[in-house]
Amino acid sequence: ADTFSVETAGNEAARINSNGRILVNSTTSRNTGGSVTRLVQVEGTAGESGIAVVRNSANASPPTLDLAKSRSGSVGGNTIVQSGDKLGIINFVGADGVDLLSVGAQITGEVDGTPGADDMPGRLVFKTTADGSASTTERLRIDSSGRLLLGTTTEGADSGDDLTISNSGNMGLTLRSTDSNYCNIYFSDATSGTAEYAGYVSYQHSTDSLQFATASTERMRIDSSGRFALGSTTTNDPDVGDGGLQIRPNHSNGAPDMHFTRASS
């Protein structure tokens, strides 16, 4: 049959078939996630169905899995890749009752710009397959600038848009916590470390209040009854009814002020 096989304990453990494919714990090769039959295939019925890469060294260096791409038409070539080329794909495939060709999710590494010597801009693209579909759709990408794009392939108009979310229908961003904790959005004066947060928006679940701060100090609060407190952290003024506005000065020598200004024509 033009095959080379290895048997242990009276059973075949591995073989190289007539097409040069290595089959571990299987005697027949098959396609998975597409029309291409892979050169190395591992099958099993339990936890052994996997590939382990282990590194033993007294340092922080990890084991490595490299997926590489060249535009050369021959083995061993180094022809430069181009912007948009896929450098490697990880497919997550499920049996659909007929075969193992249906991809449910995919992670792709791609060239994200013009490459050159010691210059390889890249992006990660995450795809999932919608219910009732047989093909994947991009859901999220991290581009070469480190920007996170959710539901879109292009960043916002401002170059400072490190997170862009797009959807043709209803959309939103949810922060979840228990009823005794906070959900916070922080604005820091530093790019790393434990620098003091200059501003924040915080929702306190225990009191159902929404708080706004600048210069690390709370400036406004909306309580569970819809009352506004400016310059104060409480909304317990007896003269302020539900949905009322309470203004207190944030300085010790003055009355609360409210100014209405009309621009000159």
Protein backbone atom coordinates (compact mmCIF):
# COMPACT_ATOMS: atom_id res chain seq x y z
CA ALA A 1 0.00 0.00 0.00
CA ASP A 2 3.10 2.24 -0.15
CA THR A 3 2.76 3.07 3.57
CA PHE A 4 5.20 3.05 6.46
CA SER A 5 3.62 2.18 9.85
CA VAL A 6 4.69 1.84 13.46
CA GLU A 7 3.00 -0.75 15.71
CA THR A 8 3.15 -0.99 19.49
CA ALA A 9 1.55 -3.69 21.68
CA GLY A 10 0.14 -5.28 18.56
CA ASN A 11 -1.68 -2.15 17.37
CA GLU A 12 -0.75 0.46 14.79
CA ALA A 13 0.24 3.74 16.49
CA ALA A 14 1.28 5.89 13.51
CA ARG A 15 1.84 5.74 9.78
CA ILE A 16 3.11 7.72 6.81
CA ASN A 17 0.78 7.08 3.88
CA SER A 18 1.51 7.07 0.17
CA ASN A 19 0.91 10.84 -0.02
CA GLY A 20 3.53 11.56 2.65
CA ARG A 21 1.00 12.44 5.33
CA ILE A 22 1.71 11.52 8.96
CA LEU A 23 -1.30 9.92 10.68
CA VAL A 24 -1.24 9.40 14.45
CA ASN A 25 -3.78 6.92 15.87
CA SER A 26 -5.54 6.73 12.50
CA THR A 27 -5.10 4.75 9.29
CA THR A 28 -7.07 7.05 6.96
CA SER A 29 -6.51 10.76 6.29
CA ARG A 30 -9.43 13.17 5.91
CA ASN A 31 -10.16 16.85 5.32
CA THR A 32 -11.00 19.19 8.21
CA GLY A 33 -12.18 22.78 7.86
CA GLY A 34 -11.77 22.95 4.10
CA SER A 35 -10.77 21.11 0.96
CA VAL A 36 -7.09 20.62 1.88
CA THR A 37 -5.91 17.40 3.52
CA ARG A 38 -3.29 18.35 6.13
CA LEU A 39 0.15 16.73 6.23
CA VAL A 40 -0.06 15.88 9.96
CA GLN A 41 -3.25 14.48 11.49
CA VAL A 42 -3.90 13.32 15.06
CA GLU A 43 -7.09 11.50 16.08
CA GLY A 44 -8.39 9.98 19.30
CA THR A 45 -11.45 9.35 21.46
CA ALA A 46 -10.42 11.11 24.70
CA GLY A 47 -7.94 13.60 26.13
CA GLU A 48 -5.13 12.21 24.00
CA SER A 49 -6.64 14.00 20.98
CA GLY A 50 -4.19 16.86 21.03
CA ILE A 51 -0.66 18.06 20.47
CA ALA A 52 1.52 19.04 23.45
CA VAL A 53 4.54 21.33 23.16
CA VAL A 54 6.51 21.45 26.43
CA ARG A 55 9.60 23.50 27.28
CA ASN A 56 11.65 22.79 30.40
CA SER A 57 14.02 25.67 31.18
CA ALA A 58 14.81 27.70 34.32
CA ASN A 59 13.62 30.99 32.84
CA ALA A 60 10.50 32.78 31.61
CA SER A 61 10.84 31.59 28.01
CA PRO A 62 7.81 29.63 26.68
CA PRO A 63 7.31 26.85 24.15
CA THR A 64 6.57 28.21 20.69
CA LEU A 65 4.28 27.47 17.77
CA ASP A 66 5.27 29.30 14.57
CA LEU A 67 2.97 29.80 11.57
CA ALA A 68 4.97 31.31 8.70
CA LYS A 69 4.11 32.58 5.21
CA SER A 70 6.23 33.32 2.12
CA ARG A 71 5.14 34.26 -1.41
CA SER A 72 7.78 31.97 -2.90
CA GLY A 73 6.49 29.20 -5.16
CA SER A 74 9.02 26.65 -3.87
CA VAL A 75 9.99 25.07 -0.56
CA GLY A 76 12.59 27.11 1.33
CA GLY A 77 11.80 30.41 -0.42
CA ASN A 78 11.70 33.85 1.24
CA THR A 79 9.74 35.98 -1.23
CA ILE A 80 8.33 39.00 0.65
CA VAL A 81 4.64 39.00 1.63
CA GLN A 82 2.25 41.86 0.89
CA SER A 83 -0.29 43.92 2.86
CA GLY A 84 -3.39 41.84 3.51
CA ASP A 85 -1.63 38.48 3.20
CA LYS A 86 -2.71 35.90 5.78
CA LEU A 87 0.32 34.76 7.80
CA GLY A 88 -1.48 31.98 9.66
CA ILE A 89 -4.95 30.69 10.51
CA ILE A 90 -6.33 28.72 13.46
CA ASN A 91 -9.65 27.06 12.57
CA PHE A 92 -12.17 25.69 15.06
CA VAL A 93 -14.14 23.00 13.22
CA GLY A 94 -17.22 20.98 14.21
CA ALA A 95 -18.80 17.91 12.65
CA ASP A 96 -22.14 18.84 11.04
CA GLY A 97 -23.37 15.25 10.72
CA VAL A 98 -21.89 14.90 7.24
CA ASP A 99 -18.20 15.85 7.49
CA LEU A 100 -15.66 17.99 9.34
CA LEU A 101 -15.54 20.89 6.86
CA SER A 102 -17.69 23.45 8.73
CA VAL A 103 -15.65 26.14 10.51
CA GLY A 104 -17.37 27.62 13.59
CA ALA A 105 -14.68 30.15 14.53
CA GLN A 106 -11.33 31.35 13.24
CA ILE A 107 -8.33 33.41 14.37
CA THR A 108 -6.13 34.85 11.61
CA GLY A 109 -2.81 36.69 11.64
CA GLU A 110 -2.49 39.08 8.68
CA VAL A 111 -0.07 41.65 7.28
CA ASP A 112 -1.38 45.11 8.22
CA GLY A 113 0.69 47.48 6.10
CA THR A 114 3.66 47.42 3.75
CA PRO A 115 6.34 44.99 4.99
CA GLY A 116 10.09 45.29 4.49
CA ALA A 117 13.38 44.07 5.89
CA ASP A 118 12.91 43.69 9.68
CA ASP A 119 9.49 45.36 9.29
CA MET A 120 6.36 43.19 9.50
CA PRO A 121 3.21 45.15 10.55
CA GLY A 122 0.52 42.72 11.60
CA ARG A 123 -3.04 42.41 12.86
CA LEU A 124 -5.14 39.72 14.53
CA VAL A 125 -8.62 39.01 13.14
CA PHE A 126 -11.26 37.06 15.08
CA LYS A 127 -14.18 35.51 13.19
CA THR A 128 -17.27 33.51 14.14
CA THR A 129 -19.97 31.77 12.10
CA ALA A 130 -23.56 32.99 12.59
CA ASP A 131 -26.39 30.54 13.27
CA GLY A 132 -27.67 29.17 9.96
CA SER A 133 -24.47 30.05 8.10
CA ALA A 134 -21.58 27.95 6.81
CA SER A 135 -18.95 30.69 6.59
CA THR A 136 -17.19 32.88 9.14
CA THR A 137 -17.66 36.63 9.56
CA GLU A 138 -15.13 39.01 11.08
CA ARG A 139 -16.25 40.24 14.51
CA LEU A 140 -13.14 41.83 16.01
CA ARG A 141 -9.62 42.83 15.01
CA ILE A 142 -6.53 44.25 16.69
CA ASP A 143 -4.59 46.27 14.13
CA SER A 144 -0.88 47.05 13.89
CA SER A 145 -1.35 50.22 15.98
CA GLY A 146 -2.91 48.25 18.84
CA ARG A 147 -6.41 49.60 18.16
CA LEU A 148 -9.37 47.36 18.92
CA LEU A 149 -12.05 47.35 16.20
CA LEU A 150 -15.32 45.62 17.09
CA GLY A 151 -17.85 45.06 14.30
CA THR A 152 -15.82 47.13 11.82
CA THR A 153 -12.58 46.91 9.85
CA THR A 154 -11.72 50.61 9.97
CA GLU A 155 -10.88 52.88 12.89
CA GLY A 156 -12.79 56.05 13.76
CA ALA A 157 -12.13 59.47 12.23
CA ASP A 158 -9.91 60.45 15.15
CA SER A 159 -6.51 58.75 15.30
CA GLY A 160 -7.00 58.55 19.07
CA ASP A 161 -9.91 56.11 18.71
CA ASP A 162 -8.21 53.06 20.21
CA LEU A 163 -11.58 51.33 20.58
CA THR A 164 -14.12 51.52 17.75
CA ILE A 165 -17.47 49.70 17.94
CA SER A 166 -19.80 49.55 14.94
CA ASN A 167 -23.09 47.84 14.24
CA SER A 168 -25.80 48.43 11.64
CA GLY A 169 -28.50 47.76 14.25
CA ASN A 170 -28.89 48.35 17.99
CA MET A 171 -25.64 48.26 19.93
CA GLY A 172 -24.29 48.92 23.38
CA LEU A 173 -21.54 48.35 25.94
CA THR A 174 -22.39 46.52 29.16
CA LEU A 175 -20.46 46.63 32.46
CA ARG A 176 -21.64 43.97 34.91
CA SER A 177 -21.10 43.78 38.67
CA THR A 178 -22.91 42.60 41.79
CA ASP A 179 -25.29 44.85 43.75
CA SER A 180 -22.63 45.66 46.37
CA ASN A 181 -19.91 46.88 44.00
CA TYR A 182 -19.12 49.58 41.44
CA CYS A 183 -18.89 49.74 37.64
CA ASN A 184 -16.26 52.32 36.68
CA ILE A 185 -14.79 54.08 33.66
CA TYR A 186 -11.47 55.72 34.55
CA PHE A 187 -9.40 58.46 32.88
CA SER A 188 -5.73 58.43 33.93
CA ASP A 189 -2.92 60.97 33.57
CA ALA A 190 -0.39 58.20 32.83
CA THR A 191 -0.12 55.38 30.29
CA SER A 192 0.97 52.79 32.86
CA GLY A 193 1.56 52.21 36.55
CA THR A 194 -0.65 53.19 39.47
CA ALA A 195 -0.98 56.91 38.73
CA GLU A 196 -3.97 58.66 40.24
CA TYR A 197 -7.06 58.69 38.07
CA ALA A 198 -7.85 62.25 37.01
CA GLY A 199 -11.47 61.57 36.15
CA TYR A 200 -14.04 58.82 36.24
CA VAL A 201 -17.66 57.87 35.70
CA SER A 202 -18.86 55.43 38.34
CA TYR A 203 -22.12 53.59 39.01
CA GLN A 204 -22.59 52.47 42.63
CA HIS A 205 -24.91 49.47 42.65
CA SER A 206 -25.61 49.54 46.39
CA THR A 207 -27.20 53.02 46.16
CA ASP A 208 -28.08 53.02 42.43
CA SER A 209 -26.26 56.33 41.95
CA LEU A 210 -24.19 57.61 39.02
CA GLN A 211 -21.13 59.73 39.89
CA PHE A 212 -18.94 62.00 37.74
CA ALA A 213 -15.48 63.22 38.75
CA THR A 214 -12.77 65.56 37.44
CA ALA A 215 -9.31 66.22 38.94
CA SER A 216 -9.85 63.12 41.10
CA THR A 217 -12.82 64.74 42.86
CA GLU A 218 -16.51 63.93 42.48
CA ARG A 219 -18.32 66.88 40.92
CA MET A 220 -21.82 65.62 40.17
CA ARG A 221 -24.08 62.78 41.25
CA ILE A 222 -27.44 61.46 40.07
CA ASP A 223 -29.15 59.39 42.73
CA SER A 224 -31.70 56.57 42.43
CA SER A 225 -34.59 59.09 42.45
CA GLY A 226 -33.16 61.08 39.54
CA ARG A 227 -32.02 64.01 41.69
CA PHE A 228 -28.91 65.96 40.61
CA ALA A 229 -26.27 67.06 43.12
CA LEU A 230 -23.66 69.54 41.83
CA GLY A 231 -20.67 70.22 44.08
CA SER A 232 -21.93 67.69 46.61
CA THR A 233 -21.86 63.94 47.14
CA THR A 234 -25.34 63.79 48.72
CA THR A 235 -28.85 64.53 47.46
CA ASN A 236 -30.59 64.60 50.84
CA ASP A 237 -31.67 68.24 50.86
CA PRO A 238 -35.29 68.17 52.14
CA ASP A 239 -36.26 71.03 49.82
CA VAL A 240 -35.27 69.05 46.73
CA GLY A 241 -37.98 66.72 45.50
CA ASP A 242 -37.69 63.75 43.22
CA GLY A 243 -35.92 64.70 40.04
CA GLY A 244 -34.81 68.03 41.56
CA LEU A 245 -31.51 69.88 41.17
CA GLN A 246 -29.33 70.57 44.21
CA ILE A 247 -26.35 72.92 43.82
CA ARG A 248 -23.76 73.46 46.53
CA PRO A 249 -20.58 75.54 46.21
CA ASN A 250 -17.31 73.69 46.16
CA HIS A 251 -15.61 76.56 48.01
CA SER A 252 -16.06 77.85 51.55
CA ASN A 253 -16.72 81.55 50.90
CA GLY A 254 -19.59 81.88 48.51
CA ALA A 255 -23.13 80.96 47.57
CA PRO A 256 -23.91 78.49 44.83
CA ASP A 257 -23.98 80.15 41.43
CA MET A 258 -25.82 79.49 38.21
CA HIS A 259 -24.92 81.61 35.20
CA PHE A 260 -26.82 81.95 31.94
CA THR A 261 -24.81 83.72 29.21
CA ARG A 262 -26.00 84.89 25.83
CA ALA A 263 -23.41 85.28 23.10
CA SER A 264 -23.33 88.65 21.42
CA SER A 265 -24.88 88.77 17.95
